[in-house]
Amino acid sequence: INVAMSNWSHKVWRNLSLIQGASYSTTPSRTNKLKLDDLRKIRPMILRRIENRAKDYPVKEIVPVAEDVLIARKYLLSDVTALLKVIPVLTCKFCSEVFVGKEGHLIETCRSYIRRGNNRLHEWVPGSINDILVPVESYHLDNISQGVIRHQERFDYDRVPAILELCCQAGAIHPEEILQYSQVHDNPQISDEDIRSLPAGELKYVGANALMAWEKLRAGVKKLLLVYRSKVCKRCKEVHIGPSGHKARLCGVFKYESWRGTHYWEKAGVNDLVPEKVVWHRRPQDPVVLLNEGRHHYGHAPAIVSLCSHAGAIVPVKYACKMKPQGLSFPH
């Protein structure tokens, strides 16, 4: 049986090698050595083609789209910072659960490995803007034709927000100014006096502007990803803006983690760069504190949408399926 299996695997590998255009042999041959020499000769030609391809970027027609993404991101950060001064946001001490409201819910969905148990009550603490707009970072590349980042080179490159890196490669930010841009625009300063000076009823307009900026941001990122390729790890959700992922062995998913810790790259989407943090959404017909018994009746919504809804903004119809605005509440 072992001999038959060996012959079968030998035939499979020989057929695969013939399909790929390479000769197959169990021992090194002169033909294989000649083919390796040919590959070494054409390697500079391949690298030259990659450099020439980079000359076509950034695409001039896409630069205004990247600039609109930066403007939408700027307004989104400032509006959400202002809303958090008025509307409380809570986050669980042991897991990534978030809730918009004064009192956290009593739905048993805490599954932190620290507590050694599943489906427990959350322990709520005050949240921040990072709980509403999840930060996603990536390595900053000097140019699009740059070589693959090796594991030993992982500390030689800066980490910047993935959206800024995408806009930088699209030509909206100069590569040398991206760090300064991130420091200036990522921490908008809004005092309590500015919030108190808002006229009564103006808060809903702040929420509407934040929701509009959120939609423009996601729409712009979707357009940019059609031109500029990005990668995401299937296991740990690491993001890399560029035609190929890096080789830094940082993958940290426990049951998938190998001794090398290498990433499993695939094409990135909008939700990978601009994640939708889905939370439980309290409707007017729901009780003040959401109970575990009514978890099948309550609605869900992205955290930013729930925040703007509590501010009085009108939510687009496409979120109605998850939010269940006209749905029945749990009879208590």
Foldseek 3Di string as FASTA:
>chain_A
DVVVVVVVVQVVVQVVCVVVPHHDDPDDDPRNVVVVVVCVVCVVVVLVVLVVVLVCPPPPVLLVLLVLLVVLVLLLLVLVQLLCLPWWKKAFPQDLAIDTHDDAAQAQADDGVVVVDGRHGGDIDTDDVCSQWPFAKAWADQGQSDDAAAQVCPVVTDIDGPSLSLSCRNPNDPSVCSVVVCVVRVDDDDDPVNSVPDDPPCLLVSLQSSQVSVVSNLVSVQVSCVPWWKKAFPQQLHIYGHPDHHFRQDQDRPVPADPSNGGHIDTDHSCSSGNFQKHWADEPQEDNHHYNVFPVQTFIGRSSQSSSVVSPYDHDPVRCVRGVRVTDTDDD
